[in-house]
PDB file of N, CA and C in Angstrom:
ATOM      1  N   UNK A   1     154.478 132.038  77.145  1.00  0.00           N
ATOM      2  CA  UNK A   1     155.361 132.234  78.280  1.00  0.00           C
ATOM      3  C   UNK A   1     154.488 132.439  79.509  1.00  0.00           C
ATOM      4  N   UNK A   2     154.547 131.491  80.447  1.00  0.00           N
ATOM      5  CA  UNK A   2     153.766 131.686  81.669  1.00  0.00           C
ATOM      6  C   UNK A   2     154.454 131.036  82.865  1.00  0.00           C
ATOM      7  N   UNK A   3     154.052 131.501  84.039  1.00  0.00           N
ATOM      8  CA  UNK A   3     154.569 131.018  85.311  1.00  0.00           C
ATOM      9  C   UNK A   3     153.374 130.656  86.176  1.00  0.00           C
ATOM     10  N   UNK A   4     153.306 129.398  86.589  1.00  0.00           N
ATOM     11  CA  UNK A   4     152.174 128.932  87.399  1.00  0.00           C
ATOM     12  C   UNK A   4     152.436 129.190  88.886  1.00  0.00           C
ATOM     13  N   UNK A   5     151.350 129.164  89.660  1.00  0.00           N
ATOM     14  CA  UNK A   5     151.488 129.245  91.115  1.00  0.00           C
ATOM     15  C   UNK A   5     152.155 127.960  91.595  1.00  0.00           C
ATOM     16  N   UNK A   6     153.098 128.102  92.521  1.00  0.00           N
ATOM     17  CA  UNK A   6     153.769 126.914  93.055  1.00  0.00           C
ATOM     18  C   UNK A   6     152.762 126.011  93.758  1.00  0.00           C
ATOM     19  N   UNK A   7     153.105 124.748  93.878  1.00  0.00           N
ATOM     20  CA  UNK A   7     152.243 123.798  94.586  1.00  0.00           C
ATOM     21  C   UNK A   7     153.109 122.765  95.296  1.00  0.00           C
ATOM     22  N   UNK A   8     152.772 122.332  96.479  1.00  0.00           N
ATOM     23  CA  UNK A   8     151.719 122.936  97.294  1.00  0.00           C
ATOM     24  C   UNK A   8     152.112 124.331  97.776  1.00  0.00           C
ATOM     25  N   UNK A   9     151.132 125.086  98.181  1.00  0.00           N
ATOM     26  CA  UNK A   9     151.353 126.423  98.723  1.00  0.00           C
ATOM     27  C   UNK A   9     150.241 126.724  99.714  1.00  0.00           C
ATOM     28  N   UNK A  10     150.535 126.864 100.993  1.00  0.00           N
ATOM     29  CA  UNK A  10     151.841 126.869 101.641  1.00  0.00           C
ATOM     30  C   UNK A  10     152.513 125.496 101.541  1.00  0.00           C
ATOM     31  N   UNK A  11     153.839 125.486 101.750  1.00  0.00           N
ATOM     32  CA  UNK A  11     154.585 124.245 101.594  1.00  0.00           C
ATOM     33  C   UNK A  11     155.552 124.003 102.744  1.00  0.00           C
ATOM     34  N   UNK A  12     155.938 122.734 102.871  1.00  0.00           N
ATOM     35  CA  UNK A  12     156.984 122.292 103.781  1.00  0.00           C
ATOM     36  C   UNK A  12     157.188 120.811 103.518  1.00  0.00           C
ATOM     37  N   UNK A  13     158.315 120.301 103.118  1.00  0.00           N
ATOM     38  CA  UNK A  13     159.581 121.010 102.971  1.00  0.00           C
ATOM     39  C   UNK A  13     159.917 121.377 101.531  1.00  0.00           C
ATOM     40  N   UNK A  14     159.121 120.869 100.540  1.00  0.00           N
ATOM     41  CA  UNK A  14     159.438 121.180  99.145  1.00  0.00           C
ATOM     42  C   UNK A  14     158.206 121.711  98.419  1.00  0.00           C
ATOM     43  N   UNK A  15     158.461 122.417  97.317  1.00  0.00           N
ATOM     44  CA  UNK A  15     157.390 122.913  96.470  1.00  0.00           C
ATOM     45  C   UNK A  15     157.831 122.830  95.016  1.00  0.00           C
ATOM     46  N   UNK A  16     156.864 122.743  94.115  1.00  0.00           N
ATOM     47  CA  UNK A  16     157.144 122.671  92.679  1.00  0.00           C
ATOM     48  C   UNK A  16     156.763 123.983  92.018  1.00  0.00           C
ATOM     49  N   UNK A  17     157.601 124.421  91.096  1.00  0.00           N
ATOM     50  CA  UNK A  17     157.351 125.632  90.327  1.00  0.00           C
ATOM     51  C   UNK A  17     157.305 125.231  88.855  1.00  0.00           C
ATOM     52  N   UNK A  18     156.147 125.403  88.235  1.00  0.00           N
ATOM     53  CA  UNK A  18     155.959 125.061  86.825  1.00  0.00           C
ATOM     54  C   UNK A  18     155.916 126.324  85.986  1.00  0.00           C
ATOM     55  N   UNK A  19     156.487 126.226  84.801  1.00  0.00           N
ATOM     56  CA  UNK A  19     156.419 127.327  83.844  1.00  0.00           C
ATOM     57  C   UNK A  19     156.470 126.764  82.441  1.00  0.00           C
ATOM     58  N   UNK A  20     156.093 127.577  81.479  1.00  0.00           N
ATOM     59  CA  UNK A  20     156.059 127.158  80.085  1.00  0.00           C
ATOM     60  C   UNK A  20     156.796 128.184  79.241  1.00  0.00           C
ATOM     61  N   UNK A  21     157.715 127.712  78.428  1.00  0.00           N
ATOM     62  CA  UNK A  21     158.467 128.588  77.523  1.00  0.00           C
ATOM     63  C   UNK A  21     157.946 128.393  76.106  1.00  0.00           C
ATOM     64  N   UNK A  22     157.671 129.489  75.410  1.00  0.00           N
ATOM     65  CA  UNK A  22     157.185 129.385  74.040  1.00  0.00           C
ATOM     66  C   UNK A  22     158.313 129.200  73.051  1.00  0.00           C
ATOM     67  N   UNK A  23     159.550 129.512  73.484  1.00  0.00           N
ATOM     68  CA  UNK A  23     160.722 129.278  72.638  1.00  0.00           C
ATOM     69  C   UNK A  23     161.920 128.959  73.514  1.00  0.00           C
ATOM     70  N   UNK A  24     162.862 128.252  72.936  1.00  0.00           N
ATOM     71  CA  UNK A  24     164.093 127.913  73.640  1.00  0.00           C
ATOM     72  C   UNK A  24     164.845 129.195  73.969  1.00  0.00           C
ATOM     73  N   UNK A  25     165.238 129.348  75.248  1.00  0.00           N
ATOM     74  CA  UNK A  25     165.931 130.575  75.640  1.00  0.00           C
ATOM     75  C   UNK A  25     166.671 130.406  76.954  1.00  0.00           C
ATOM     76  N   UNK A  26     167.577 131.341  77.212  1.00  0.00           N
ATOM     77  CA  UNK A  26     168.286 131.413  78.488  1.00  0.00           C
ATOM     78  C   UNK A  26     167.285 131.920  79.532  1.00  0.00           C
ATOM     79  N   UNK A  27     167.162 131.202  80.644  1.00  0.00           N
ATOM     80  CA  UNK A  27     166.242 131.639  81.685  1.00  0.00           C
ATOM     81  C   UNK A  27     166.944 131.657  83.035  1.00  0.00           C
ATOM     82  N   UNK A  28     166.386 132.464  83.917  1.00  0.00           N
ATOM     83  CA  UNK A  28     166.830 132.504  85.310  1.00  0.00           C
ATOM     84  C   UNK A  28     165.587 132.395  86.179  1.00  0.00           C
ATOM     85  N   UNK A  29     165.629 131.476  87.143  1.00  0.00           N
ATOM     86  CA  UNK A  29     164.550 131.324  88.118  1.00  0.00           C
ATOM     87  C   UNK A  29     165.175 131.536  89.489  1.00  0.00           C
ATOM     88  N   UNK A  30     164.761 132.616  90.156  1.00  0.00           N
ATOM     89  CA  UNK A  30     165.394 133.040  91.399  1.00  0.00           C
ATOM     90  C   UNK A  30     164.366 133.177  92.505  1.00  0.00           C
ATOM     91  N   UNK A  31     164.767 132.821  93.733  1.00  0.00           N
ATOM     92  CA  UNK A  31     163.931 132.961  94.925  1.00  0.00           C
ATOM     93  C   UNK A  31     164.426 134.169  95.718  1.00  0.00           C
ATOM     94  N   UNK A  32     163.483 135.005  96.170  1.00  0.00           N
ATOM     95  CA  UNK A  32     163.796 136.186  96.988  1.00  0.00           C
ATOM     96  C   UNK A  32     163.001 136.124  98.286  1.00  0.00           C
ATOM     97  N   UNK A  33     163.560 136.702  99.354  1.00  0.00           N
ATOM     98  CA  UNK A  33     162.810 136.791 100.606  1.00  0.00           C
ATOM     99  C   UNK A  33     161.934 138.039 100.591  1.00  0.00           C
ATOM    100  N   UNK A  34     161.202 138.258 101.669  1.00  0.00           N
ATOM    101  CA  UNK A  34     160.254 139.374 101.758  1.00  0.00           C
ATOM    102  C   UNK A  34     160.951 140.735 101.685  1.00  0.00           C
ATOM    103  N   UNK A  35     162.263 140.766 102.011  1.00  0.00           N
ATOM    104  CA  UNK A  35     163.038 142.009 101.944  1.00  0.00           C
ATOM    105  C   UNK A  35     163.610 142.262 100.554  1.00  0.00           C
ATOM    106  N   UNK A  36     163.373 141.324  99.623  1.00  0.00           N
ATOM    107  CA  UNK A  36     163.886 141.464  98.264  1.00  0.00           C
ATOM    108  C   UNK A  36     165.310 140.972  98.100  1.00  0.00           C
ATOM    109  N   UNK A  37     165.834 140.292  99.117  1.00  0.00           N
ATOM    110  CA  UNK A  37     167.194 139.753  99.043  1.00  0.00           C
ATOM    111  C   UNK A  37     167.173 138.397  98.343  1.00  0.00           C
ATOM    112  N   UNK A  38     168.145 138.170  97.453  1.00  0.00           N
ATOM    113  CA  UNK A  38     168.214 136.892  96.752  1.00  0.00           C
ATOM    114  C   UNK A  38     168.542 135.783  97.744  1.00  0.00           C
ATOM    115  N   UNK A  39     167.741 134.717  97.708  1.00  0.00           N
ATOM    116  CA  UNK A  39     167.921 133.570  98.584  1.00  0.00           C
ATOM    117  C   UNK A  39     168.571 132.414  97.819  1.00  0.00           C
ATOM    118  N   UNK A  40     168.063 132.160  96.607  1.00  0.00           N
ATOM    119  CA  UNK A  40     168.537 130.996  95.848  1.00  0.00           C
ATOM    120  C   UNK A  40     168.305 131.201  94.362  1.00  0.00           C
ATOM    121  N   UNK A  41     169.287 130.837  93.563  1.00  0.00           N
ATOM    122  CA  UNK A  41     169.115 130.760  92.111  1.00  0.00           C
ATOM    123  C   UNK A  41     168.861 129.300  91.781  1.00  0.00           C
ATOM    124  N   UNK A  42     167.651 128.988  91.359  1.00  0.00           N
ATOM    125  CA  UNK A  42     167.288 127.608  91.050  1.00  0.00           C
ATOM    126  C   UNK A  42     167.746 127.190  89.658  1.00  0.00           C
ATOM    127  N   UNK A  43     167.624 128.106  88.698  1.00  0.00           N
ATOM    128  CA  UNK A  43     168.002 127.810  87.319  1.00  0.00           C
ATOM    129  C   UNK A  43     168.662 129.043  86.723  1.00  0.00           C
ATOM    130  N   UNK A  44     169.759 128.822  86.000  1.00  0.00           N
ATOM    131  CA  UNK A  44     170.404 129.874  85.220  1.00  0.00           C
ATOM    132  C   UNK A  44     171.049 129.188  84.022  1.00  0.00           C
ATOM    133  N   UNK A  45     170.202 128.845  83.053  1.00  0.00           N
ATOM    134  CA  UNK A  45     170.679 128.076  81.901  1.00  0.00           C
ATOM    135  C   UNK A  45     169.712 128.200  80.735  1.00  0.00           C
ATOM    136  N   UNK A  46     170.162 127.712  79.573  1.00  0.00           N
ATOM    137  CA  UNK A  46     169.290 127.669  78.403  1.00  0.00           C
ATOM    138  C   UNK A  46     168.376 126.465  78.541  1.00  0.00           C
ATOM    139  N   UNK A  47     167.088 126.695  78.318  1.00  0.00           N
ATOM    140  CA  UNK A  47     166.104 125.616  78.405  1.00  0.00           C
ATOM    141  C   UNK A  47     165.296 125.567  77.115  1.00  0.00           C
ATOM    142  N   UNK A  48     164.808 124.381  76.791  1.00  0.00           N
ATOM    143  CA  UNK A  48     164.008 124.183  75.587  1.00  0.00           C
ATOM    144  C   UNK A  48     162.590 124.699  75.770  1.00  0.00           C
ATOM    145  N   UNK A  49     161.936 124.976  74.660  1.00  0.00           N
ATOM    146  CA  UNK A  49     160.534 125.383  74.688  1.00  0.00           C
ATOM    147  C   UNK A  49     159.684 124.259  75.258  1.00  0.00           C
ATOM    148  N   UNK A  50     158.570 124.644  75.885  1.00  0.00           N
ATOM    149  CA  UNK A  50     157.639 123.668  76.413  1.00  0.00           C
ATOM    150  C   UNK A  50     157.507 123.767  77.916  1.00  0.00           C
ATOM    151  N   UNK A  51     156.719 122.865  78.495  1.00  0.00           N
ATOM    152  CA  UNK A  51     156.483 122.894  79.943  1.00  0.00           C
ATOM    153  C   UNK A  51     157.725 122.459  80.724  1.00  0.00           C
ATOM    154  N   UNK A  52     157.976 123.125  81.839  1.00  0.00           N
ATOM    155  CA  UNK A  52     159.117 122.842  82.715  1.00  0.00           C
ATOM    156  C   UNK A  52     158.621 122.788  84.156  1.00  0.00           C
ATOM    157  N   UNK A  53     159.310 122.024  84.997  1.00  0.00           N
ATOM    158  CA  UNK A  53     158.972 121.958  86.415  1.00  0.00           C
ATOM    159  C   UNK A  53     160.262 121.887  87.223  1.00  0.00           C
ATOM    160  N   UNK A  54     160.368 122.749  88.228  1.00  0.00           N
ATOM    161  CA  UNK A  54     161.534 122.818  89.100  1.00  0.00           C
ATOM    162  C   UNK A  54     161.050 122.649  90.537  1.00  0.00           C
ATOM    163  N   UNK A  55     161.787 121.890  91.340  1.00  0.00           N
ATOM    164  CA  UNK A  55     161.455 121.698  92.752  1.00  0.00           C
ATOM    165  C   UNK A  55     162.428 122.500  93.610  1.00  0.00           C
ATOM    166  N   UNK A  56     161.879 123.222  94.584  1.00  0.00           N
ATOM    167  CA  UNK A  56     162.697 123.947  95.548  1.00  0.00           C
ATOM    168  C   UNK A  56     162.554 123.275  96.909  1.00  0.00           C
ATOM    169  N   UNK A  57     163.681 123.027  97.562  1.00  0.00           N
ATOM    170  CA  UNK A  57     163.701 122.331  98.852  1.00  0.00           C
ATOM    171  C   UNK A  57     163.863 123.264 100.048  1.00  0.00           C
ATOM    172  N   UNK A  58     163.532 124.532  99.882  1.00  0.00           N
ATOM    173  CA  UNK A  58     163.568 125.539 100.952  1.00  0.00           C
ATOM    174  C   UNK A  58     164.967 125.737 101.527  1.00  0.00           C
ATOM    175  N   UNK A  59     165.977 125.631 100.638  1.00  0.00           N
ATOM    176  CA  UNK A  59     167.346 125.926 101.058  1.00  0.00           C
ATOM    177  C   UNK A  59     167.861 127.123 100.270  1.00  0.00           C
ATOM    178  N   UNK A  60     168.888 127.778 100.835  1.00  0.00           N
ATOM    179  CA  UNK A  60     169.483 128.920 100.145  1.00  0.00           C
ATOM    180  C   UNK A  60     170.632 128.439  99.256  1.00  0.00           C
ATOM    181  N   UNK A  61     171.364 129.376  98.653  1.00  0.00           N
ATOM    182  CA  UNK A  61     172.467 129.028  97.760  1.00  0.00           C
ATOM    183  C   UNK A  61     173.597 128.292  98.473  1.00  0.00           C
ATOM    184  N   UNK A  62     173.644 128.362  99.801  1.00  0.00           N
ATOM    185  CA  UNK A  62     174.690 127.697 100.579  1.00  0.00           C
ATOM    186  C   UNK A  62     174.238 126.355 101.145  1.00  0.00           C
ATOM    187  N   UNK A  63     172.986 125.951 100.845  1.00  0.00           N
ATOM    188  CA  UNK A  63     172.471 124.674 101.300  1.00  0.00           C
ATOM    189  C   UNK A  63     171.801 124.707 102.661  1.00  0.00           C
ATOM    190  N   UNK A  64     171.721 125.888 103.278  1.00  0.00           N
ATOM    191  CA  UNK A  64     171.090 126.010 104.602  1.00  0.00           C
ATOM    192  C   UNK A  64     169.573 126.179 104.446  1.00  0.00           C
ATOM    193  N   UNK A  65     168.819 125.611 105.384  1.00  0.00           N
ATOM    194  CA  UNK A  65     167.363 125.772 105.386  1.00  0.00           C
ATOM    195  C   UNK A  65     167.000 127.238 105.626  1.00  0.00           C
ATOM    196  N   UNK A  66     165.993 127.719 104.913  1.00  0.00           N
ATOM    197  CA  UNK A  66     165.527 129.089 105.103  1.00  0.00           C
ATOM    198  C   UNK A  66     164.411 129.105 106.147  1.00  0.00           C
ATOM    199  N   UNK A  67     164.123 130.282 106.672  1.00  0.00           N
ATOM    200  CA  UNK A  67     163.125 130.444 107.737  1.00  0.00           C
ATOM    201  C   UNK A  67     161.702 130.415 107.182  1.00  0.00           C
ATOM    202  N   UNK A  68     160.756 130.132 108.058  1.00  0.00           N
ATOM    203  CA  UNK A  68     159.344 130.250 107.733  1.00  0.00           C
ATOM    204  C   UNK A  68     159.067 131.665 107.249  1.00  0.00           C
ATOM    205  N   UNK A  69     158.219 131.809 106.235  1.00  0.00           N
ATOM    206  CA  UNK A  69     157.867 133.142 105.779  1.00  0.00           C
ATOM    207  C   UNK A  69     157.419 133.183 104.336  1.00  0.00           C
ATOM    208  N   UNK A  70     157.241 134.405 103.853  1.00  0.00           N
ATOM    209  CA  UNK A  70     156.818 134.662 102.483  1.00  0.00           C
ATOM    210  C   UNK A  70     158.056 134.788 101.603  1.00  0.00           C
ATOM    211  N   UNK A  71     158.008 134.143 100.460  1.00  0.00           N
ATOM    212  CA  UNK A  71     159.086 134.209  99.474  1.00  0.00           C
ATOM    213  C   UNK A  71     158.483 134.519  98.111  1.00  0.00           C
ATOM    214  N   UNK A  72     159.294 135.063  97.237  1.00  0.00           N
ATOM    215  CA  UNK A  72     158.883 135.368  95.871  1.00  0.00           C
ATOM    216  C   UNK A  72     159.762 134.584  94.922  1.00  0.00           C
ATOM    217  N   UNK A  73     159.194 134.097  93.835  1.00  0.00           N
ATOM    218  CA  UNK A  73     159.993 133.465  92.798  1.00  0.00           C
ATOM    219  C   UNK A  73     159.790 134.227  91.499  1.00  0.00           C
ATOM    220  N   UNK A  74     160.905 134.467  90.807  1.00  0.00           N
ATOM    221  CA  UNK A  74     160.911 135.316  89.622  1.00  0.00           C
ATOM    222  C   UNK A  74     161.527 134.558  88.451  1.00  0.00           C
ATOM    223  N   UNK A  75     160.809 134.506  87.346  1.00  0.00           N
ATOM    224  CA  UNK A  75     161.271 133.877  86.119  1.00  0.00           C
ATOM    225  C   UNK A  75     161.626 134.968  85.129  1.00  0.00           C
ATOM    226  N   UNK A  76     162.856 134.937  84.620  1.00  0.00           N
ATOM    227  CA  UNK A  76     163.307 135.920  83.642  1.00  0.00           C
ATOM    228  C   UNK A  76     163.792 135.201  82.387  1.00  0.00           C
ATOM    229  N   UNK A  77     163.365 135.702  81.225  1.00  0.00           N
ATOM    230  CA  UNK A  77     163.829 135.174  79.944  1.00  0.00           C
ATOM    231  C   UNK A  77     163.776 136.296  78.917  1.00  0.00           C
ATOM    232  N   UNK A  78     164.135 135.975  77.677  1.00  0.00           N
ATOM    233  CA  UNK A  78     164.054 136.988  76.624  1.00  0.00           C
ATOM    234  C   UNK A  78     162.605 137.393  76.368  1.00  0.00           C
ATOM    235  N   UNK A  79     161.659 136.575  76.840  1.00  0.00           N
ATOM    236  CA  UNK A  79     160.242 136.867  76.657  1.00  0.00           C
ATOM    237  C   UNK A  79     159.687 137.810  77.723  1.00  0.00           C
ATOM    238  N   UNK A  80     160.458 138.057  78.795  1.00  0.00           N
ATOM    239  CA  UNK A  80     160.001 138.970  79.839  1.00  0.00           C
ATOM    240  C   UNK A  80     160.293 138.433  81.229  1.00  0.00           C
ATOM    241  N   UNK A  81     159.597 139.007  82.215  1.00  0.00           N
ATOM    242  CA  UNK A  81     159.753 138.623  83.614  1.00  0.00           C
ATOM    243  C   UNK A  81     158.381 138.371  84.222  1.00  0.00           C
ATOM    244  N   UNK A  82     158.300 137.329  85.045  1.00  0.00           N
ATOM    245  CA  UNK A  82     157.076 137.021  85.774  1.00  0.00           C
ATOM    246  C   UNK A  82     157.461 136.691  87.208  1.00  0.00           C
ATOM    247  N   UNK A  83     156.590 137.055  88.156  1.00  0.00           N
ATOM    248  CA  UNK A  83     156.891 136.822  89.567  1.00  0.00           C
ATOM    249  C   UNK A  83     155.640 136.401  90.320  1.00  0.00           C
ATOM    250  N   UNK A  84     155.812 135.504  91.287  1.00  0.00           N
ATOM    251  CA  UNK A  84     154.705 135.068  92.135  1.00  0.00           C
ATOM    252  C   UNK A  84     155.186 134.922  93.574  1.00  0.00           C
ATOM    253  N   UNK A  85     154.212 134.806  94.470  1.00  0.00           N
ATOM    254  CA  UNK A  85     154.486 134.734  95.922  1.00  0.00           C
ATOM    255  C   UNK A  85     154.166 133.324  96.419  1.00  0.00           C
ATOM    256  N   UNK A  86     154.944 132.882  97.441  1.00  0.00           N
ATOM    257  CA  UNK A  86     154.682 131.587  98.075  1.00  0.00           C
ATOM    258  C   UNK A  86     154.962 131.680  99.556  1.00  0.00           C
ATOM    259  N   UNK A  87     154.458 130.707 100.315  1.00  0.00           N
ATOM    260  CA  UNK A  87     154.567 130.724 101.757  1.00  0.00           C
ATOM    261  C   UNK A  87     155.157 129.413 102.268  1.00  0.00           C
ATOM    262  N   UNK A  88     156.256 129.508 103.021  1.00  0.00           N
ATOM    263  CA  UNK A  88     156.874 128.361 103.663  1.00  0.00           C
ATOM    264  C   UNK A  88     156.447 128.348 105.129  1.00  0.00           C
ATOM    265  N   UNK A  89     155.868 127.225 105.547  1.00  0.00           N
ATOM    266  CA  UNK A  89     155.448 127.060 106.949  1.00  0.00           C
ATOM    267  C   UNK A  89     156.139 125.832 107.508  1.00  0.00           C
ATOM    268  N   UNK A  90     156.836 126.028 108.628  1.00  0.00           N
ATOM    269  CA  UNK A  90     157.533 124.894 109.259  1.00  0.00           C
ATOM    270  C   UNK A  90     156.802 124.457 110.499  1.00  0.00           C
TER     271      UNK A  90
END
């Protein structure tokens, strides 16, 4: 179970988030702003074991573009929680 650093980072307008699941499980991949407020839920579903890649287009849950700044992405599964930081520059 691991979560890679997003790439590119810093990014504009999209970035990729890669992770690896050691077993099939329900996962949630969520983006938070610097204040800890939820910006976007990218994934909330059961996924198969193995490498995964998700692209974020710097939009929130309502489809609006988010501001330049630091964001955090958090992966949660039955195996635990992992979090990393990324930077959006416009």
